[in-house]
Amino acid sequence: MAVKNAMTSEFLHSAYGGESMAHMRYLTWATMAEKEGFPNIAKLFIAIAYAEQVHANNHFNVIAGETQGATVTAGAEFGTGKTVDNLQGAIDGELHEVEQMYPVYLNTAQFQEEKGAERSFHYALEAEKIHADLFKKAQDCAREGKDIELTNVYICPICGHTILDGAPDKCPVCGVKKEMYKEF
């Protein structure tokens, strides 16, 4: 399914780039968290990095056979610092996506009747809300010098829905069965 509208196409390219960079940034920050003695925060970064990869793949697949160059601008934190600071960068990036980027991208896709983009943006938006909250909880713990308490993180491989300590019977965003969730 090719994208018909240039604006939606540009938004998909931008979202693809941003999600790809978030994926790599979170993997780097996981290494830093591990070195600082926060193995569960590292696990959270790794799991959410996977969710960001799911989003990037969804956006890429909607772009489909469209081959062209694209300049991608991603408004996000770069660099490494202490885990508390890296978590703030993650929170800021997720909130940017939730409060500004994805609502505009989603509304545009709906207006332009781009169903594939609409679905991809909706999936990402719903997951990013959860990510911002989880990173905030992790940051609150790290500020106290503690690791976040969790056993496992579960990610839906279709939409990136993220949940701690047990997958739901059915994904509340896309409907995939519990057995499909990836466990970290």
N, C-alpha and C. Protein backbone atom coordinates (compact mmCIF):
# COMPACT_ATOMS: atom_id res chain seq x y z
N MET A 1 0.85 -1.18 0.00
CA MET A 1 0.00 0.00 0.00
C MET A 1 0.89 1.24 0.00
N ALA A 2 0.90 1.96 -1.05
CA ALA A 2 1.71 3.17 -1.15
C ALA A 2 0.96 4.35 -0.52
N VAL A 3 1.71 5.27 -0.01
CA VAL A 3 1.15 6.48 0.58
C VAL A 3 0.85 7.45 -0.55
N LYS A 4 -0.34 8.02 -0.55
CA LYS A 4 -0.78 8.89 -1.64
C LYS A 4 -0.42 10.36 -1.42
N ASN A 5 -0.33 10.77 -0.16
CA ASN A 5 -0.18 12.19 0.16
C ASN A 5 1.22 12.52 0.67
N ALA A 6 1.79 13.58 0.11
CA ALA A 6 3.16 13.95 0.45
C ALA A 6 3.34 14.29 1.93
N MET A 7 2.37 14.96 2.52
CA MET A 7 2.52 15.35 3.92
C MET A 7 2.54 14.11 4.83
N THR A 8 1.65 13.18 4.61
CA THR A 8 1.65 11.95 5.40
C THR A 8 2.94 11.18 5.17
N SER A 9 3.42 11.16 3.94
CA SER A 9 4.68 10.50 3.64
C SER A 9 5.83 11.13 4.42
N GLU A 10 5.88 12.45 4.44
CA GLU A 10 6.93 13.15 5.20
C GLU A 10 6.84 12.81 6.68
N PHE A 11 5.62 12.76 7.21
CA PHE A 11 5.44 12.44 8.63
C PHE A 11 5.88 11.00 8.93
N LEU A 12 5.59 10.09 8.02
CA LEU A 12 6.05 8.71 8.21
C LEU A 12 7.57 8.62 8.22
N HIS A 13 8.21 9.33 7.30
CA HIS A 13 9.67 9.34 7.26
C HIS A 13 10.24 9.93 8.55
N SER A 14 9.66 11.03 8.99
CA SER A 14 10.13 11.67 10.22
C SER A 14 9.94 10.73 11.42
N ALA A 15 8.78 10.12 11.52
CA ALA A 15 8.50 9.21 12.63
C ALA A 15 9.42 7.99 12.58
N TYR A 16 9.67 7.48 11.38
CA TYR A 16 10.59 6.36 11.23
C TYR A 16 11.98 6.72 11.77
N GLY A 17 12.46 7.90 11.38
CA GLY A 17 13.77 8.33 11.84
C GLY A 17 13.81 8.53 13.34
N GLY A 18 12.79 9.16 13.88
CA GLY A 18 12.75 9.41 15.32
C GLY A 18 12.69 8.12 16.12
N GLU A 19 11.87 7.18 15.68
CA GLU A 19 11.76 5.91 16.39
C GLU A 19 13.05 5.10 16.27
N SER A 20 13.68 5.14 15.11
CA SER A 20 14.94 4.43 14.92
C SER A 20 16.02 4.98 15.86
N MET A 21 16.07 6.30 15.95
CA MET A 21 17.06 6.92 16.84
C MET A 21 16.74 6.64 18.30
N ALA A 22 15.47 6.66 18.67
CA ALA A 22 15.10 6.34 20.05
C ALA A 22 15.52 4.90 20.38
N HIS A 23 15.31 4.00 19.45
CA HIS A 23 15.72 2.60 19.64
C HIS A 23 17.21 2.53 20.01
N MET A 24 18.04 3.17 19.23
CA MET A 24 19.48 3.11 19.48
C MET A 24 19.87 3.87 20.75
N ARG A 25 19.26 5.00 20.96
CA ARG A 25 19.56 5.81 22.15
C ARG A 25 19.23 5.02 23.42
N TYR A 26 18.10 4.32 23.43
CA TYR A 26 17.71 3.56 24.61
C TYR A 26 18.64 2.39 24.86
N LEU A 27 19.15 1.77 23.81
CA LEU A 27 20.13 0.71 24.00
C LEU A 27 21.41 1.25 24.62
N THR A 28 21.85 2.41 24.17
CA THR A 28 23.03 3.04 24.75
C THR A 28 22.79 3.39 26.21
N TRP A 29 21.63 3.96 26.49
CA TRP A 29 21.31 4.34 27.87
C TRP A 29 21.12 3.12 28.76
N ALA A 30 20.72 1.99 28.21
CA ALA A 30 20.62 0.75 28.98
C ALA A 30 22.00 0.34 29.48
N THR A 31 22.99 0.46 28.62
CA THR A 31 24.37 0.13 29.01
C THR A 31 24.83 1.02 30.15
N MET A 32 24.50 2.30 30.08
CA MET A 32 24.87 3.24 31.15
C MET A 32 24.17 2.87 32.46
N ALA A 33 22.90 2.54 32.38
CA ALA A 33 22.14 2.17 33.58
C ALA A 33 22.73 0.91 34.22
N GLU A 34 23.09 -0.05 33.40
CA GLU A 34 23.70 -1.29 33.90
C GLU A 34 25.01 -0.97 34.63
N LYS A 35 25.83 -0.11 34.04
CA LYS A 35 27.11 0.27 34.66
C LYS A 35 26.91 1.00 35.99
N GLU A 36 25.80 1.73 36.11
CA GLU A 36 25.52 2.47 37.34
C GLU A 36 24.80 1.62 38.39
N GLY A 37 24.57 0.35 38.09
CA GLY A 37 23.95 -0.53 39.07
C GLY A 37 22.44 -0.53 39.06
N PHE A 38 21.84 -0.23 37.90
CA PHE A 38 20.38 -0.23 37.75
C PHE A 38 19.98 -1.28 36.70
N PRO A 39 20.09 -2.57 37.02
CA PRO A 39 19.79 -3.59 35.99
C PRO A 39 18.34 -3.58 35.52
N ASN A 40 17.40 -3.25 36.39
CA ASN A 40 16.00 -3.23 35.96
C ASN A 40 15.70 -2.02 35.08
N ILE A 41 16.34 -0.89 35.38
CA ILE A 41 16.18 0.27 34.50
C ILE A 41 16.80 -0.05 33.14
N ALA A 42 17.93 -0.76 33.15
CA ALA A 42 18.54 -1.19 31.89
C ALA A 42 17.58 -2.09 31.12
N LYS A 43 16.94 -3.02 31.83
CA LYS A 43 15.97 -3.92 31.19
C LYS A 43 14.81 -3.12 30.59
N LEU A 44 14.35 -2.11 31.33
CA LEU A 44 13.26 -1.27 30.83
C LEU A 44 13.68 -0.54 29.55
N PHE A 45 14.89 0.03 29.55
CA PHE A 45 15.39 0.70 28.34
C PHE A 45 15.46 -0.28 27.16
N ILE A 46 15.95 -1.49 27.41
CA ILE A 46 16.08 -2.48 26.33
C ILE A 46 14.71 -2.88 25.79
N ALA A 47 13.76 -3.10 26.68
CA ALA A 47 12.42 -3.50 26.25
C ALA A 47 11.76 -2.38 25.45
N ILE A 48 11.86 -1.15 25.96
CA ILE A 48 11.22 -0.04 25.24
C ILE A 48 11.95 0.25 23.93
N ALA A 49 13.25 -0.02 23.89
CA ALA A 49 13.98 0.10 22.62
C ALA A 49 13.35 -0.83 21.58
N TYR A 50 12.97 -2.02 22.02
CA TYR A 50 12.31 -2.96 21.11
C TYR A 50 10.96 -2.39 20.64
N ALA A 51 10.20 -1.79 21.55
CA ALA A 51 8.92 -1.19 21.18
C ALA A 51 9.13 -0.08 20.14
N GLU A 52 10.19 0.70 20.30
CA GLU A 52 10.49 1.76 19.33
C GLU A 52 10.85 1.15 17.98
N GLN A 53 11.53 0.01 18.00
CA GLN A 53 11.83 -0.69 16.75
C GLN A 53 10.54 -1.16 16.08
N VAL A 54 9.59 -1.64 16.86
CA VAL A 54 8.29 -2.05 16.32
C VAL A 54 7.63 -0.85 15.62
N HIS A 55 7.67 0.32 16.28
CA HIS A 55 7.06 1.51 15.67
C HIS A 55 7.78 1.88 14.38
N ALA A 56 9.11 1.88 14.41
CA ALA A 56 9.87 2.22 13.20
C ALA A 56 9.53 1.26 12.06
N ASN A 57 9.47 -0.03 12.37
CA ASN A 57 9.12 -1.01 11.33
C ASN A 57 7.72 -0.78 10.79
N ASN A 58 6.78 -0.46 11.67
CA ASN A 58 5.42 -0.18 11.20
C ASN A 58 5.40 1.01 10.24
N HIS A 59 6.09 2.09 10.62
CA HIS A 59 6.13 3.28 9.75
C HIS A 59 6.80 2.93 8.41
N PHE A 60 7.90 2.20 8.47
CA PHE A 60 8.64 1.81 7.27
C PHE A 60 7.75 0.97 6.35
N ASN A 61 7.00 0.04 6.93
CA ASN A 61 6.13 -0.82 6.13
C ASN A 61 5.00 -0.05 5.48
N VAL A 62 4.51 0.99 6.12
CA VAL A 62 3.45 1.81 5.52
C VAL A 62 4.02 2.60 4.34
N ILE A 63 5.25 3.06 4.47
CA ILE A 63 5.89 3.78 3.36
C ILE A 63 5.95 2.86 2.14
N ALA A 64 6.07 1.57 2.38
CA ALA A 64 6.01 0.51 1.37
C ALA A 64 7.04 0.69 0.27
N GLY A 65 6.62 0.64 -0.96
CA GLY A 65 7.52 0.66 -2.09
C GLY A 65 8.02 2.03 -2.48
N GLU A 66 7.74 3.01 -1.70
CA GLU A 66 8.14 4.38 -2.02
C GLU A 66 9.65 4.52 -1.79
N THR A 67 10.40 4.65 -2.85
CA THR A 67 11.85 4.79 -2.73
C THR A 67 12.24 6.20 -3.12
N GLN A 68 12.82 6.88 -2.17
CA GLN A 68 13.29 8.24 -2.38
C GLN A 68 14.18 8.62 -1.22
N GLY A 69 14.94 9.66 -1.38
CA GLY A 69 15.73 10.17 -0.28
C GLY A 69 14.84 10.93 0.68
N ALA A 70 15.25 10.97 1.93
CA ALA A 70 14.47 11.71 2.91
C ALA A 70 15.40 12.28 3.97
N THR A 71 15.22 13.52 4.29
CA THR A 71 15.93 14.13 5.40
C THR A 71 15.06 13.97 6.63
N VAL A 72 15.64 13.41 7.68
CA VAL A 72 14.87 13.13 8.87
C VAL A 72 15.37 14.00 10.02
N THR A 73 14.45 14.75 10.59
CA THR A 73 14.75 15.56 11.76
C THR A 73 14.03 14.95 12.94
N ALA A 74 14.77 14.68 13.99
CA ALA A 74 14.17 14.11 15.20
C ALA A 74 14.48 15.03 16.37
N GLY A 75 13.45 15.51 17.02
CA GLY A 75 13.64 16.36 18.19
C GLY A 75 13.81 15.52 19.42
N ALA A 76 15.06 15.21 19.76
CA ALA A 76 15.30 14.34 20.90
C ALA A 76 16.64 14.65 21.53
N GLU A 77 16.82 14.14 22.73
CA GLU A 77 18.07 14.29 23.46
C GLU A 77 19.15 13.41 22.86
N PHE A 78 20.36 13.92 22.82
CA PHE A 78 21.49 13.13 22.39
C PHE A 78 22.58 13.23 23.43
N GLY A 79 23.39 12.20 23.50
CA GLY A 79 24.47 12.17 24.47
C GLY A 79 24.13 11.23 25.61
N THR A 80 25.12 11.01 26.44
CA THR A 80 24.92 10.15 27.59
C THR A 80 25.30 10.93 28.84
N GLY A 81 24.59 10.65 29.87
CA GLY A 81 24.86 11.24 31.17
C GLY A 81 24.58 10.21 32.23
N LYS A 82 24.28 10.66 33.40
CA LYS A 82 23.86 9.77 34.46
C LYS A 82 22.48 9.21 34.09
N THR A 83 22.14 8.08 34.65
CA THR A 83 20.87 7.44 34.34
C THR A 83 19.68 8.35 34.60
N VAL A 84 19.73 9.10 35.69
CA VAL A 84 18.63 10.04 35.99
C VAL A 84 18.45 11.03 34.84
N ASP A 85 19.56 11.52 34.30
CA ASP A 85 19.51 12.48 33.19
C ASP A 85 19.05 11.81 31.90
N ASN A 86 19.53 10.60 31.67
CA ASN A 86 19.11 9.87 30.47
C ASN A 86 17.61 9.57 30.52
N LEU A 87 17.11 9.25 31.70
CA LEU A 87 15.67 9.03 31.85
C LEU A 87 14.89 10.31 31.57
N GLN A 88 15.43 11.46 31.97
CA GLN A 88 14.76 12.72 31.65
C GLN A 88 14.72 12.95 30.15
N GLY A 89 15.81 12.62 29.47
CA GLY A 89 15.82 12.71 28.01
C GLY A 89 14.77 11.80 27.39
N ALA A 90 14.63 10.60 27.95
CA ALA A 90 13.62 9.67 27.44
C ALA A 90 12.21 10.21 27.71
N ILE A 91 11.99 10.72 28.90
CA ILE A 91 10.67 11.29 29.24
C ILE A 91 10.34 12.44 28.30
N ASP A 92 11.29 13.33 28.11
CA ASP A 92 11.06 14.49 27.23
C ASP A 92 10.73 14.05 25.81
N GLY A 93 11.45 13.06 25.30
CA GLY A 93 11.20 12.57 23.95
C GLY A 93 9.83 11.93 23.83
N GLU A 94 9.48 11.11 24.81
CA GLU A 94 8.17 10.44 24.78
C GLU A 94 7.04 11.46 24.89
N LEU A 95 7.19 12.44 25.77
CA LEU A 95 6.14 13.46 25.92
C LEU A 95 6.01 14.32 24.66
N HIS A 96 7.11 14.59 23.99
CA HIS A 96 7.05 15.31 22.71
C HIS A 96 6.19 14.52 21.72
N GLU A 97 6.41 13.22 21.67
CA GLU A 97 5.64 12.39 20.75
C GLU A 97 4.16 12.35 21.12
N VAL A 98 3.89 12.27 22.43
CA VAL A 98 2.51 12.14 22.92
C VAL A 98 1.73 13.45 22.81
N GLU A 99 2.38 14.56 23.16
CA GLU A 99 1.68 15.84 23.25
C GLU A 99 1.70 16.64 21.96
N GLN A 100 2.69 16.40 21.10
CA GLN A 100 2.82 17.23 19.91
C GLN A 100 2.86 16.43 18.61
N MET A 101 3.83 15.55 18.49
CA MET A 101 4.11 14.92 17.21
C MET A 101 2.99 13.99 16.75
N TYR A 102 2.74 12.93 17.49
CA TYR A 102 1.79 11.94 17.01
C TYR A 102 0.35 12.43 16.90
N PRO A 103 -0.13 13.32 17.78
CA PRO A 103 -1.48 13.82 17.54
C PRO A 103 -1.61 14.54 16.18
N VAL A 104 -0.61 15.32 15.81
CA VAL A 104 -0.64 16.02 14.52
C VAL A 104 -0.52 15.02 13.37
N TYR A 105 0.41 14.08 13.49
CA TYR A 105 0.59 13.09 12.44
C TYR A 105 -0.67 12.25 12.26
N LEU A 106 -1.27 11.84 13.37
CA LEU A 106 -2.48 11.03 13.32
C LEU A 106 -3.64 11.80 12.70
N ASN A 107 -3.83 13.05 13.12
CA ASN A 107 -4.91 13.86 12.55
C ASN A 107 -4.72 14.06 11.04
N THR A 108 -3.50 14.27 10.63
CA THR A 108 -3.21 14.44 9.20
C THR A 108 -3.53 13.17 8.43
N ALA A 109 -3.09 12.03 8.95
CA ALA A 109 -3.36 10.76 8.28
C ALA A 109 -4.87 10.51 8.18
N GLN A 110 -5.60 10.85 9.24
CA GLN A 110 -7.05 10.69 9.21
C GLN A 110 -7.67 11.61 8.16
N PHE A 111 -7.24 12.86 8.16
CA PHE A 111 -7.77 13.84 7.20
C PHE A 111 -7.47 13.41 5.77
N GLN A 112 -6.27 12.88 5.54
CA GLN A 112 -5.87 12.49 4.20
C GLN A 112 -6.28 11.05 3.85
N GLU A 113 -7.02 10.44 4.75
CA GLU A 113 -7.53 9.08 4.54
C GLU A 113 -6.43 8.08 4.20
N GLU A 114 -5.36 8.16 4.96
CA GLU A 114 -4.22 7.24 4.84
C GLU A 114 -4.35 6.22 5.97
N LYS A 115 -5.09 5.15 5.74
CA LYS A 115 -5.45 4.18 6.78
C LYS A 115 -4.22 3.50 7.39
N GLY A 116 -3.26 3.13 6.57
CA GLY A 116 -2.05 2.47 7.09
C GLY A 116 -1.28 3.39 8.02
N ALA A 117 -1.11 4.64 7.62
CA ALA A 117 -0.41 5.62 8.46
C ALA A 117 -1.20 5.90 9.72
N GLU A 118 -2.51 5.99 9.58
CA GLU A 118 -3.37 6.23 10.74
C GLU A 118 -3.17 5.13 11.79
N ARG A 119 -3.18 3.89 11.36
CA ARG A 119 -2.98 2.76 12.27
C ARG A 119 -1.59 2.81 12.91
N SER A 120 -0.57 3.04 12.10
CA SER A 120 0.80 3.07 12.60
C SER A 120 1.00 4.19 13.62
N PHE A 121 0.48 5.38 13.32
CA PHE A 121 0.60 6.51 14.25
C PHE A 121 -0.19 6.26 15.54
N HIS A 122 -1.38 5.67 15.40
CA HIS A 122 -2.20 5.35 16.58
C HIS A 122 -1.47 4.36 17.49
N TYR A 123 -0.93 3.30 16.92
CA TYR A 123 -0.19 2.31 17.71
C TYR A 123 0.95 2.98 18.48
N ALA A 124 1.74 3.79 17.79
CA ALA A 124 2.87 4.44 18.44
C ALA A 124 2.40 5.39 19.54
N LEU A 125 1.40 6.19 19.27
CA LEU A 125 0.90 7.15 20.25
C LEU A 125 0.47 6.46 21.53
N GLU A 126 -0.27 5.38 21.42
CA GLU A 126 -0.75 4.68 22.61
C GLU A 126 0.41 4.10 23.43
N ALA A 127 1.40 3.56 22.76
CA ALA A 127 2.56 3.00 23.48
C ALA A 127 3.41 4.08 24.12
N GLU A 128 3.59 5.19 23.44
CA GLU A 128 4.44 6.26 23.97
C GLU A 128 3.88 6.83 25.27
N LYS A 129 2.57 6.84 25.41
CA LYS A 129 1.97 7.30 26.67
C LYS A 129 2.45 6.43 27.83
N ILE A 130 2.47 5.14 27.61
CA ILE A 130 2.91 4.19 28.63
C ILE A 130 4.41 4.37 28.89
N HIS A 131 5.19 4.55 27.83
CA HIS A 131 6.63 4.69 27.98
C HIS A 131 6.99 5.89 28.84
N ALA A 132 6.33 7.01 28.60
CA ALA A 132 6.61 8.22 29.39
C ALA A 132 6.36 7.95 30.87
N ASP A 133 5.27 7.27 31.18
CA ASP A 133 4.93 6.97 32.56
C ASP A 133 5.95 6.01 33.19
N LEU A 134 6.34 4.98 32.47
CA LEU A 134 7.31 4.02 33.00
C LEU A 134 8.68 4.67 33.22
N PHE A 135 9.09 5.53 32.29
CA PHE A 135 10.37 6.21 32.47
C PHE A 135 10.32 7.16 33.67
N LYS A 136 9.18 7.79 33.90
CA LYS A 136 9.03 8.67 35.06
C LYS A 136 9.15 7.87 36.36
N LYS A 137 8.50 6.72 36.42
CA LYS A 137 8.60 5.86 37.61
C LYS A 137 10.04 5.41 37.82
N ALA A 138 10.72 5.06 36.75
CA ALA A 138 12.12 4.64 36.85
C ALA A 138 12.99 5.79 37.34
N GLN A 139 12.72 6.98 36.82
CA GLN A 139 13.51 8.14 37.23
C GLN A 139 13.30 8.46 38.72
N ASP A 140 12.07 8.36 39.19
CA ASP A 140 11.80 8.59 40.61
C ASP A 140 12.63 7.64 41.47
N CYS A 141 12.72 6.39 41.08
CA CYS A 141 13.54 5.42 41.81
C CYS A 141 15.03 5.78 41.72
N ALA A 142 15.50 6.07 40.51
CA ALA A 142 16.92 6.38 40.32
C ALA A 142 17.35 7.61 41.11
N ARG A 143 16.46 8.58 41.23
CA ARG A 143 16.77 9.78 42.02
C ARG A 143 17.06 9.43 43.48
N GLU A 144 16.43 8.37 43.95
CA GLU A 144 16.64 7.91 45.31
C GLU A 144 17.78 6.90 45.40
N GLY A 145 18.45 6.68 44.27
CA GLY A 145 19.55 5.72 44.24
C GLY A 145 19.08 4.27 44.20
N LYS A 146 17.81 4.06 43.85
CA LYS A 146 17.23 2.73 43.81
C LYS A 146 16.91 2.33 42.37
N ASP A 147 16.86 1.03 42.17
CA ASP A 147 16.42 0.50 40.88
C ASP A 147 14.90 0.36 40.89
N ILE A 148 14.29 0.42 39.74
CA ILE A 148 12.83 0.22 39.67
C ILE A 148 12.54 -1.25 39.96
N GLU A 149 11.45 -1.50 40.63
CA GLU A 149 11.06 -2.87 40.92
C GLU A 149 10.20 -3.40 39.77
N LEU A 150 10.68 -4.47 39.17
CA LEU A 150 9.93 -5.15 38.13
C LEU A 150 10.50 -6.54 37.96
N THR A 151 9.68 -7.43 37.46
CA THR A 151 10.15 -8.78 37.16
C THR A 151 10.48 -8.87 35.68
N ASN A 152 9.48 -8.57 34.85
CA ASN A 152 9.66 -8.62 33.41
C ASN A 152 8.88 -7.48 32.75
N VAL A 153 9.29 -7.19 31.53
CA VAL A 153 8.59 -6.21 30.71
C VAL A 153 8.10 -6.97 29.48
N TYR A 154 6.86 -6.72 29.08
CA TYR A 154 6.25 -7.39 27.94
C TYR A 154 5.90 -6.34 26.89
N ILE A 155 6.28 -6.66 25.64
CA ILE A 155 6.04 -5.75 24.52
C ILE A 155 5.25 -6.48 23.44
N CYS A 156 4.18 -5.84 22.97
CA CYS A 156 3.43 -6.36 21.85
C CYS A 156 4.24 -6.15 20.57
N PRO A 157 4.48 -7.20 19.80
CA PRO A 157 5.30 -7.07 18.59
C PRO A 157 4.57 -6.44 17.41
N ILE A 158 3.27 -6.18 17.57
CA ILE A 158 2.49 -5.57 16.50
C ILE A 158 2.39 -4.07 16.68
N CYS A 159 2.13 -3.61 17.92
CA CYS A 159 1.90 -2.18 18.15
C CYS A 159 2.86 -1.54 19.15
N GLY A 160 3.62 -2.35 19.88
CA GLY A 160 4.55 -1.80 20.86
C GLY A 160 3.94 -1.58 22.23
N HIS A 161 2.69 -2.00 22.45
CA HIS A 161 2.09 -1.87 23.78
C HIS A 161 3.06 -2.46 24.80
N THR A 162 3.23 -1.78 25.90
CA THR A 162 4.22 -2.14 26.90
C THR A 162 3.56 -2.30 28.26
N ILE A 163 3.90 -3.38 28.96
CA ILE A 163 3.32 -3.63 30.27
C ILE A 163 4.34 -4.40 31.13
N LEU A 164 4.29 -4.15 32.41
CA LEU A 164 5.20 -4.81 33.34
C LEU A 164 4.55 -6.06 33.93
N ASP A 165 5.39 -7.07 34.17
CA ASP A 165 5.08 -8.21 35.02
C ASP A 165 3.92 -9.08 34.59
N GLY A 166 3.56 -9.09 33.33
CA GLY A 166 2.54 -10.01 32.83
C GLY A 166 1.77 -9.43 31.67
N ALA A 167 1.75 -10.16 30.58
CA ALA A 167 1.03 -9.69 29.39
C ALA A 167 -0.47 -9.90 29.57
N PRO A 168 -1.28 -9.01 29.01
CA PRO A 168 -2.74 -9.20 29.08
C PRO A 168 -3.15 -10.34 28.15
N ASP A 169 -4.35 -10.88 28.35
CA ASP A 169 -4.83 -11.95 27.48
C ASP A 169 -4.91 -11.49 26.03
N LYS A 170 -5.22 -10.21 25.85
CA LYS A 170 -5.33 -9.63 24.52
C LYS A 170 -4.80 -8.20 24.59
N CYS A 171 -4.00 -7.80 23.62
CA CYS A 171 -3.46 -6.44 23.61
C CYS A 171 -4.62 -5.44 23.55
N PRO A 172 -4.63 -4.45 24.47
CA PRO A 172 -5.71 -3.47 24.46
C PRO A 172 -5.66 -2.49 23.29
N VAL A 173 -4.54 -2.46 22.57
CA VAL A 173 -4.40 -1.53 21.45
C VAL A 173 -4.71 -2.21 20.11
N CYS A 174 -4.08 -3.36 19.87
CA CYS A 174 -4.24 -3.99 18.55
C CYS A 174 -4.95 -5.34 18.58
N GLY A 175 -5.15 -5.90 19.77
CA GLY A 175 -5.88 -7.15 19.89
C GLY A 175 -5.08 -8.42 19.77
N VAL A 176 -3.76 -8.34 19.65
CA VAL A 176 -2.95 -9.55 19.51
C VAL A 176 -3.04 -10.39 20.79
N LYS A 177 -2.92 -11.69 20.64
CA LYS A 177 -3.02 -12.60 21.78
C LYS A 177 -1.78 -12.54 22.66
N LYS A 178 -1.99 -12.84 23.93
CA LYS A 178 -0.96 -12.82 24.97
C LYS A 178 0.32 -13.56 24.55
N GLU A 179 0.14 -14.69 23.89
CA GLU A 179 1.28 -15.53 23.51
C GLU A 179 2.26 -14.84 22.56
N MET A 180 1.80 -13.81 21.89
CA MET A 180 2.65 -13.11 20.92
C MET A 180 3.59 -12.08 21.59
N TYR A 181 3.26 -11.64 22.79
CA TYR A 181 4.08 -10.63 23.46
C TYR A 181 5.50 -11.12 23.64
N LYS A 182 6.44 -10.20 23.50
CA LYS A 182 7.85 -10.51 23.72
C LYS A 182 8.20 -10.15 25.16
N GLU A 183 8.84 -11.07 25.84
CA GLU A 183 9.18 -10.87 27.25
C GLU A 183 10.65 -10.47 27.40
N PHE A 184 10.86 -9.47 28.22
CA PHE A 184 12.22 -9.01 28.54
C PHE A 184 12.45 -9.17 30.04
